[in-house]
Amino acid sequence: MCTLLIRTVTLEGSVNGILYFLKPQWKMLVEPKVWYNAITQCFFSLAIASGNLVMYASYNCFTHNVYRDAMIVTTIDTITSLISGITIFGVLGNLAHTLKVEVNDVVSGGGAKLAFVSYPDAISRFKHVPWLFAILFFAMLFVLGIGSLIGTNVCALSAIKDVYPMVEDWYVSAAICLVGFLFGLVYVTPGGEFVLVTVDYFLGTFLPFALVILEMLAICWCMLQA
């Protein structure tokens, strides 16, 4: 990520893309959809309501400083997101400069199209060793994805092992990976992008937010009853 960032800021026109990414639009603060998207992105990025954080926290001692850990995790997550955003929009700024169009014309697609269509297209236009930066970019996505999947895998592994402690860890882990792989095959079909958008909209946005609110209400009610 740092290598891509350094290369990005040296590209012609990258500043326009970075400024487009960082420049606030104050009028959008009154739009409820902006706040909704921000909250759901935080939930998705930090894996809130997926069980990962609770699972990892369960291995801590009772007096462990969870406030410090929360600050570390959220800070690193924010820095990683900023570096990724600056890198992507810097390259898109270079693409807009090359095509002689506005930055918003290049990023109008958004979503998965932004990372897997616009960005690779911009990298292919690099004058020097574009294949190297293409490898670095997809390696970055691969590492970020694997990091998220490890937490999800261990979360499911811990839940299954609590019920069936005699089963070997690698059996359970292999079964989880196999099931995830089979379900993931649908995303590489011609209609995979539609399925991805549908799953993300119904399972990755409002539902976790609603579940967390209900969980907090349930915990507060139990504390009041005690």
C-alpha atoms as a PDB file:
ATOM      1  CA  MET A   1       0.000   0.000   0.000  1.00  0.00           C
ATOM      2  CA  CYS A   2       2.796   2.424   0.838  1.00  0.00           C
ATOM      3  CA  THR A   3       4.608   1.573  -2.406  1.00  0.00           C
ATOM      4  CA  LEU A   4       1.465   2.250  -4.416  1.00  0.00           C
ATOM      5  CA  LEU A   5       0.864   5.462  -2.461  1.00  0.00           C
ATOM      6  CA  ILE A   6       4.372   6.790  -3.180  1.00  0.00           C
ATOM      7  CA  ARG A   7       4.014   5.952  -6.863  1.00  0.00           C
ATOM      8  CA  THR A   8       0.564   7.503  -7.006  1.00  0.00           C
ATOM      9  CA  VAL A   9       1.525  10.919  -5.669  1.00  0.00           C
ATOM     10  CA  THR A  10       4.207  11.203  -8.353  1.00  0.00           C
ATOM     11  CA  LEU A  11       1.694  10.762 -11.196  1.00  0.00           C
ATOM     12  CA  GLU A  12       0.611  13.736 -13.240  1.00  0.00           C
ATOM     13  CA  GLY A  13      -2.874  14.875 -12.252  1.00  0.00           C
ATOM     14  CA  SER A  14      -2.987  12.702  -9.118  1.00  0.00           C
ATOM     15  CA  VAL A  15      -3.416  15.778  -6.900  1.00  0.00           C
ATOM     16  CA  ASN A  16      -6.798  16.501  -8.489  1.00  0.00           C
ATOM     17  CA  GLY A  17      -8.021  13.024  -7.647  1.00  0.00           C
ATOM     18  CA  ILE A  18      -6.711  13.196  -4.077  1.00  0.00           C
ATOM     19  CA  LEU A  19      -8.331  16.605  -3.530  1.00  0.00           C
ATOM     20  CA  TYR A  20     -11.594  15.252  -4.940  1.00  0.00           C
ATOM     21  CA  PHE A  21     -11.400  12.456  -2.358  1.00  0.00           C
ATOM     22  CA  LEU A  22     -10.476  14.657   0.623  1.00  0.00           C
ATOM     23  CA  LYS A  23     -12.377  17.871  -0.093  1.00  0.00           C
ATOM     24  CA  PRO A  24     -15.525  17.919   2.087  1.00  0.00           C
ATOM     25  CA  GLN A  25     -18.931  18.801   0.690  1.00  0.00           C
ATOM     26  CA  TRP A  26     -20.502  20.496   3.702  1.00  0.00           C
ATOM     27  CA  LYS A  27     -23.976  20.602   2.192  1.00  0.00           C
ATOM     28  CA  MET A  28     -24.087  16.809   2.251  1.00  0.00           C
ATOM     29  CA  LEU A  29     -24.006  16.792   6.067  1.00  0.00           C
ATOM     30  CA  VAL A  30     -27.745  17.399   6.133  1.00  0.00           C
ATOM     31  CA  GLU A  31     -28.408  14.335   3.966  1.00  0.00           C
ATOM     32  CA  PRO A  32     -29.514  11.324   6.089  1.00  0.00           C
ATOM     33  CA  LYS A  33     -28.213   8.929   3.423  1.00  0.00           C
ATOM     34  CA  VAL A  34     -24.658  10.214   3.939  1.00  0.00           C
ATOM     35  CA  TRP A  35     -24.764   9.417   7.654  1.00  0.00           C
ATOM     36  CA  TYR A  36     -26.393   6.067   6.958  1.00  0.00           C
ATOM     37  CA  ASN A  37     -23.658   5.144   4.474  1.00  0.00           C
ATOM     38  CA  ALA A  38     -20.969   6.293   6.913  1.00  0.00           C
ATOM     39  CA  ILE A  39     -22.359   4.172   9.757  1.00  0.00           C
ATOM     40  CA  THR A  40     -22.819   1.074   7.612  1.00  0.00           C
ATOM     41  CA  GLN A  41     -19.288   1.470   6.225  1.00  0.00           C
ATOM     42  CA  CYS A  42     -17.889   1.640   9.776  1.00  0.00           C
ATOM     43  CA  PHE A  43     -19.846  -1.487  10.680  1.00  0.00           C
ATOM     44  CA  PHE A  44     -18.568  -3.302   7.601  1.00  0.00           C
ATOM     45  CA  SER A  45     -14.968  -2.122   7.917  1.00  0.00           C
ATOM     46  CA  LEU A  46     -14.674  -2.995  11.615  1.00  0.00           C
ATOM     47  CA  ALA A  47     -16.712  -6.220  11.290  1.00  0.00           C
ATOM     48  CA  ILE A  48     -19.176  -5.019  13.909  1.00  0.00           C
ATOM     49  CA  ALA A  49     -22.119  -7.396  14.503  1.00  0.00           C
ATOM     50  CA  SER A  50     -20.335 -10.249  12.725  1.00  0.00           C
ATOM     51  CA  GLY A  51     -19.052 -11.819  15.938  1.00  0.00           C
ATOM     52  CA  ASN A  52     -15.341 -11.386  15.187  1.00  0.00           C
ATOM     53  CA  LEU A  53     -14.641  -8.713  17.801  1.00  0.00           C
ATOM     54  CA  VAL A  54     -16.590 -10.535  20.499  1.00  0.00           C
ATOM     55  CA  MET A  55     -14.789 -13.775  19.669  1.00  0.00           C
ATOM     56  CA  TYR A  56     -11.340 -12.196  19.890  1.00  0.00           C
ATOM     57  CA  ALA A  57     -12.289 -10.330  23.068  1.00  0.00           C
ATOM     58  CA  SER A  58     -13.405 -13.590  24.706  1.00  0.00           C
ATOM     59  CA  TYR A  59      -9.760 -14.683  24.883  1.00  0.00           C
ATOM     60  CA  ASN A  60      -8.760 -11.649  26.969  1.00  0.00           C
ATOM     61  CA  CYS A  61      -8.456 -11.692  30.711  1.00  0.00           C
ATOM     62  CA  PHE A  62     -11.206  -9.919  32.652  1.00  0.00           C
ATOM     63  CA  THR A  63      -9.031  -6.892  33.482  1.00  0.00           C
ATOM     64  CA  HIS A  64      -7.708  -6.411  29.939  1.00  0.00           C
ATOM     65  CA  ASN A  65      -7.713  -2.807  28.705  1.00  0.00           C
ATOM     66  CA  VAL A  66     -10.345  -3.083  25.955  1.00  0.00           C
ATOM     67  CA  TYR A  67     -10.550   0.708  25.608  1.00  0.00           C
ATOM     68  CA  ARG A  68      -6.937   0.831  24.442  1.00  0.00           C
ATOM     69  CA  ASP A  69      -7.558  -2.003  21.983  1.00  0.00           C
ATOM     70  CA  ALA A  70     -10.631  -0.250  20.617  1.00  0.00           C
ATOM     71  CA  MET A  71      -8.610   2.915  19.978  1.00  0.00           C
ATOM     72  CA  ILE A  72      -5.815   0.940  18.288  1.00  0.00           C
ATOM     73  CA  VAL A  73      -8.163  -1.034  16.032  1.00  0.00           C
ATOM     74  CA  THR A  74     -10.241   1.963  14.964  1.00  0.00           C
ATOM     75  CA  THR A  75      -7.163   4.139  14.385  1.00  0.00           C
ATOM     76  CA  ILE A  76      -5.399   1.538  12.243  1.00  0.00           C
ATOM     77  CA  ASP A  77      -8.615   0.883  10.327  1.00  0.00           C
ATOM     78  CA  THR A  78      -9.063   4.602   9.624  1.00  0.00           C
ATOM     79  CA  ILE A  79      -5.452   5.058   8.501  1.00  0.00           C
ATOM     80  CA  THR A  80      -5.684   2.009   6.227  1.00  0.00           C
ATOM     81  CA  SER A  81      -8.894   3.307   4.669  1.00  0.00           C
ATOM     82  CA  LEU A  82      -7.362   6.747   4.103  1.00  0.00           C
ATOM     83  CA  ILE A  83      -4.232   5.325   2.486  1.00  0.00           C
ATOM     84  CA  SER A  84      -6.312   3.079   0.229  1.00  0.00           C
ATOM     85  CA  GLY A  85      -8.643   5.938  -0.717  1.00  0.00           C
ATOM     86  CA  ILE A  86      -5.827   8.378  -1.440  1.00  0.00           C
ATOM     87  CA  THR A  87      -4.046   5.771  -3.550  1.00  0.00           C
ATOM     88  CA  ILE A  88      -7.108   4.864  -5.603  1.00  0.00           C
ATOM     89  CA  PHE A  89      -8.291   8.419  -6.167  1.00  0.00           C
ATOM     90  CA  GLY A  90      -4.771   9.581  -6.945  1.00  0.00           C
ATOM     91  CA  VAL A  91      -4.546   7.036  -9.747  1.00  0.00           C
ATOM     92  CA  LEU A  92      -8.030   7.959 -10.941  1.00  0.00           C
ATOM     93  CA  GLY A  93      -6.959  11.589 -10.981  1.00  0.00           C
ATOM     94  CA  ASN A  94      -4.123  10.586 -13.279  1.00  0.00           C
ATOM     95  CA  LEU A  95      -6.596   8.684 -15.456  1.00  0.00           C
ATOM     96  CA  ALA A  96      -8.862  11.729 -15.642  1.00  0.00           C
ATOM     97  CA  HIS A  97      -5.864  13.875 -16.598  1.00  0.00           C
ATOM     98  CA  THR A  98      -4.872  11.417 -19.331  1.00  0.00           C
ATOM     99  CA  LEU A  99      -8.398  11.221 -20.753  1.00  0.00           C
ATOM    100  CA  LYS A 100      -8.870  14.989 -20.311  1.00  0.00           C
ATOM    101  CA  VAL A 101     -12.104  14.590 -18.339  1.00  0.00           C
ATOM    102  CA  GLU A 102     -13.238  15.565 -14.835  1.00  0.00           C
ATOM    103  CA  VAL A 103     -12.472  13.272 -11.914  1.00  0.00           C
ATOM    104  CA  ASN A 104     -16.159  12.785 -11.121  1.00  0.00           C
ATOM    105  CA  ASP A 105     -16.650  11.409 -14.650  1.00  0.00           C
ATOM    106  CA  VAL A 106     -14.086   8.697 -13.933  1.00  0.00           C
ATOM    107  CA  VAL A 107     -15.430   7.703 -10.502  1.00  0.00           C
ATOM    108  CA  SER A 108     -19.129   7.897 -11.356  1.00  0.00           C
ATOM    109  CA  GLY A 109     -19.454   4.094 -11.309  1.00  0.00           C
ATOM    110  CA  GLY A 110     -18.426   3.641  -7.676  1.00  0.00           C
ATOM    111  CA  GLY A 111     -18.664   0.370  -5.764  1.00  0.00           C
ATOM    112  CA  ALA A 112     -16.851  -2.710  -7.019  1.00  0.00           C
ATOM    113  CA  LYS A 113     -16.496  -1.133 -10.446  1.00  0.00           C
ATOM    114  CA  LEU A 114     -14.234   1.535  -8.955  1.00  0.00           C
ATOM    115  CA  ALA A 115     -11.696  -0.958  -7.610  1.00  0.00           C
ATOM    116  CA  PHE A 116     -11.870  -3.667 -10.247  1.00  0.00           C
ATOM    117  CA  VAL A 117     -12.500  -1.712 -13.461  1.00  0.00           C
ATOM    118  CA  SER A 118     -11.388   1.920 -13.206  1.00  0.00           C
ATOM    119  CA  TYR A 119      -8.276   1.284 -11.118  1.00  0.00           C
ATOM    120  CA  PRO A 120      -6.845  -1.590 -13.229  1.00  0.00           C
ATOM    121  CA  ASP A 121      -7.535   0.474 -16.339  1.00  0.00           C
ATOM    122  CA  ALA A 122      -5.583   3.357 -14.848  1.00  0.00           C
ATOM    123  CA  ILE A 123      -2.692   1.095 -13.843  1.00  0.00           C
ATOM    124  CA  SER A 124      -2.474  -0.298 -17.381  1.00  0.00           C
ATOM    125  CA  ARG A 125      -1.712   3.242 -18.548  1.00  0.00           C
ATOM    126  CA  PHE A 126       1.422   3.560 -16.391  1.00  0.00           C
ATOM    127  CA  LYS A 127       4.500   4.286 -18.499  1.00  0.00           C
ATOM    128  CA  HIS A 128       6.900   2.229 -16.385  1.00  0.00           C
ATOM    129  CA  VAL A 129       6.400  -1.441 -15.426  1.00  0.00           C
ATOM    130  CA  PRO A 130       2.569  -1.355 -15.225  1.00  0.00           C
ATOM    131  CA  TRP A 131       2.523  -5.107 -14.600  1.00  0.00           C
ATOM    132  CA  LEU A 132       4.451  -4.637 -11.351  1.00  0.00           C
ATOM    133  CA  PHE A 133       1.949  -2.139  -9.961  1.00  0.00           C
ATOM    134  CA  ALA A 134      -0.936  -4.331 -11.122  1.00  0.00           C
ATOM    135  CA  ILE A 135       0.540  -7.210  -9.108  1.00  0.00           C
ATOM    136  CA  LEU A 136       1.046  -4.937  -6.076  1.00  0.00           C
ATOM    137  CA  PHE A 137      -2.524  -3.645  -6.303  1.00  0.00           C
ATOM    138  CA  PHE A 138      -4.184  -7.043  -6.456  1.00  0.00           C
ATOM    139  CA  ALA A 139      -1.783  -8.346  -3.803  1.00  0.00           C
ATOM    140  CA  MET A 140      -2.997  -5.480  -1.586  1.00  0.00           C
ATOM    141  CA  LEU A 141      -6.645  -6.452  -2.187  1.00  0.00           C
ATOM    142  CA  PHE A 142      -5.790 -10.111  -1.575  1.00  0.00           C
ATOM    143  CA  VAL A 143      -4.059  -9.408   1.748  1.00  0.00           C
ATOM    144  CA  LEU A 144      -6.865  -7.126   2.941  1.00  0.00           C
ATOM    145  CA  GLY A 145      -9.448  -9.751   1.974  1.00  0.00           C
ATOM    146  CA  ILE A 146      -7.548 -12.609   3.609  1.00  0.00           C
ATOM    147  CA  GLY A 147      -7.208 -10.572   6.798  1.00  0.00           C
ATOM    148  CA  SER A 148     -10.977 -10.163   6.978  1.00  0.00           C
ATOM    149  CA  LEU A 149     -11.666 -13.803   6.100  1.00  0.00           C
ATOM    150  CA  ILE A 150      -9.318 -15.101   8.792  1.00  0.00           C
ATOM    151  CA  GLY A 151     -11.344 -13.316  11.452  1.00  0.00           C
ATOM    152  CA  THR A 152     -14.609 -14.687  10.040  1.00  0.00           C
ATOM    153  CA  ASN A 153     -13.165 -18.196   9.765  1.00  0.00           C
ATOM    154  CA  VAL A 154     -11.856 -18.220  13.336  1.00  0.00           C
ATOM    155  CA  CYS A 155     -15.182 -16.834  14.589  1.00  0.00           C
ATOM    156  CA  ALA A 156     -17.106 -19.699  12.974  1.00  0.00           C
ATOM    157  CA  LEU A 157     -14.431 -22.160  14.106  1.00  0.00           C
ATOM    158  CA  SER A 158     -14.725 -21.035  17.735  1.00  0.00           C
ATOM    159  CA  ALA A 159     -18.531 -21.324  17.680  1.00  0.00           C
ATOM    160  CA  ILE A 160     -18.418 -24.859  16.232  1.00  0.00           C
ATOM    161  CA  LYS A 161     -15.638 -25.969  18.582  1.00  0.00           C
ATOM    162  CA  ASP A 162     -17.637 -24.798  21.585  1.00  0.00           C
ATOM    163  CA  VAL A 163     -20.373 -27.264  20.589  1.00  0.00           C
ATOM    164  CA  TYR A 164     -18.130 -30.047  19.251  1.00  0.00           C
ATOM    165  CA  PRO A 165     -14.807 -29.722  21.135  1.00  0.00           C
ATOM    166  CA  MET A 166     -13.594 -33.190  20.102  1.00  0.00           C
ATOM    167  CA  VAL A 167     -13.454 -32.363  16.390  1.00  0.00           C
ATOM    168  CA  GLU A 168     -10.013 -31.456  15.041  1.00  0.00           C
ATOM    169  CA  ASP A 169      -9.510 -27.777  14.265  1.00  0.00           C
ATOM    170  CA  TRP A 170      -8.291 -28.364  10.733  1.00  0.00           C
ATOM    171  CA  TYR A 171     -11.391 -30.463   9.898  1.00  0.00           C
ATOM    172  CA  VAL A 172     -13.670 -27.638  10.932  1.00  0.00           C
ATOM    173  CA  SER A 173     -11.542 -24.988   9.224  1.00  0.00           C
ATOM    174  CA  ALA A 174     -11.416 -27.000   5.991  1.00  0.00           C
ATOM    175  CA  ALA A 175     -15.194 -27.465   6.044  1.00  0.00           C
ATOM    176  CA  ILE A 176     -15.760 -23.735   6.595  1.00  0.00           C
ATOM    177  CA  CYS A 177     -13.408 -22.843   3.733  1.00  0.00           C
ATOM    178  CA  LEU A 178     -15.070 -25.377   1.427  1.00  0.00           C
ATOM    179  CA  VAL A 179     -18.563 -24.092   2.171  1.00  0.00           C
ATOM    180  CA  GLY A 180     -17.400 -20.489   1.740  1.00  0.00           C
ATOM    181  CA  PHE A 181     -15.724 -21.384  -1.550  1.00  0.00           C
ATOM    182  CA  LEU A 182     -18.862 -23.065  -2.901  1.00  0.00           C
ATOM    183  CA  PHE A 183     -21.055 -20.113  -1.924  1.00  0.00           C
ATOM    184  CA  GLY A 184     -18.494 -17.726  -3.386  1.00  0.00           C
ATOM    185  CA  LEU A 185     -18.632 -19.356  -6.816  1.00  0.00           C
ATOM    186  CA  VAL A 186     -21.878 -17.503  -7.522  1.00  0.00           C
ATOM    187  CA  TYR A 187     -19.948 -14.221  -7.530  1.00  0.00           C
ATOM    188  CA  VAL A 188     -17.833 -15.236 -10.546  1.00  0.00           C
ATOM    189  CA  THR A 189     -20.869 -15.980 -12.711  1.00  0.00           C
ATOM    190  CA  PRO A 190     -22.204 -13.443 -15.252  1.00  0.00           C
ATOM    191  CA  GLY A 191     -24.791 -12.332 -12.680  1.00  0.00           C
ATOM    192  CA  GLY A 192     -22.291 -12.256  -9.834  1.00  0.00           C
ATOM    193  CA  GLU A 193     -22.179  -8.480  -9.561  1.00  0.00           C
ATOM    194  CA  PHE A 194     -25.971  -8.318  -9.184  1.00  0.00           C
ATOM    195  CA  VAL A 195     -25.830 -10.954  -6.437  1.00  0.00           C
ATOM    196  CA  LEU A 196     -23.008  -9.049  -4.736  1.00  0.00           C
ATOM    197  CA  VAL A 197     -24.961  -5.785  -4.746  1.00  0.00           C
ATOM    198  CA  THR A 198     -28.112  -7.544  -3.507  1.00  0.00           C
ATOM    199  CA  VAL A 199     -26.335  -9.349  -0.655  1.00  0.00           C
ATOM    200  CA  ASP A 200     -24.459  -6.201   0.320  1.00  0.00           C
ATOM    201  CA  TYR A 201     -27.635  -4.109   0.328  1.00  0.00           C
ATOM    202  CA  PHE A 202     -29.785  -6.480   2.378  1.00  0.00           C
ATOM    203  CA  LEU A 203     -27.186  -8.189   4.603  1.00  0.00           C
ATOM    204  CA  GLY A 204     -24.296  -5.763   4.857  1.00  0.00           C
ATOM    205  CA  THR A 205     -25.948  -2.431   5.563  1.00  0.00           C
ATOM    206  CA  PHE A 206     -29.163  -1.977   7.539  1.00  0.00           C
ATOM    207  CA  LEU A 207     -29.482  -5.470   9.031  1.00  0.00           C
ATOM    208  CA  PRO A 208     -26.248  -5.404  11.125  1.00  0.00           C
ATOM    209  CA  PHE A 209     -27.090  -1.869  12.282  1.00  0.00           C
ATOM    210  CA  ALA A 210     -30.565  -2.957  13.416  1.00  0.00           C
ATOM    211  CA  LEU A 211     -29.216  -6.088  15.118  1.00  0.00           C
ATOM    212  CA  VAL A 212     -26.631  -4.120  17.102  1.00  0.00           C
ATOM    213  CA  ILE A 213     -29.300  -1.678  18.303  1.00  0.00           C
ATOM    214  CA  LEU A 214     -31.466  -4.590  19.458  1.00  0.00           C
ATOM    215  CA  GLU A 215     -28.478  -6.210  21.178  1.00  0.00           C
ATOM    216  CA  MET A 216     -27.656  -3.004  23.046  1.00  0.00           C
ATOM    217  CA  LEU A 217     -31.283  -2.592  24.115  1.00  0.00           C
ATOM    218  CA  ALA A 218     -31.341  -6.194  25.338  1.00  0.00           C
ATOM    219  CA  ILE A 219     -28.094  -5.728  27.313  1.00  0.00           C
ATOM    220  CA  CYS A 220     -29.335  -2.477  28.884  1.00  0.00           C
ATOM    221  CA  TRP A 221     -32.640  -4.126  29.820  1.00  0.00           C
ATOM    222  CA  CYS A 222     -30.820  -7.059  31.451  1.00  0.00           C
ATOM    223  CA  MET A 223     -28.561  -4.664  33.395  1.00  0.00           C
ATOM    224  CA  LEU A 224     -31.580  -2.725  34.620  1.00  0.00           C
ATOM    225  CA  GLN A 225     -33.295  -5.919  35.706  1.00  0.00           C
ATOM    226  CA  ALA A 226     -30.210  -7.007  37.618  1.00  0.00           C
END
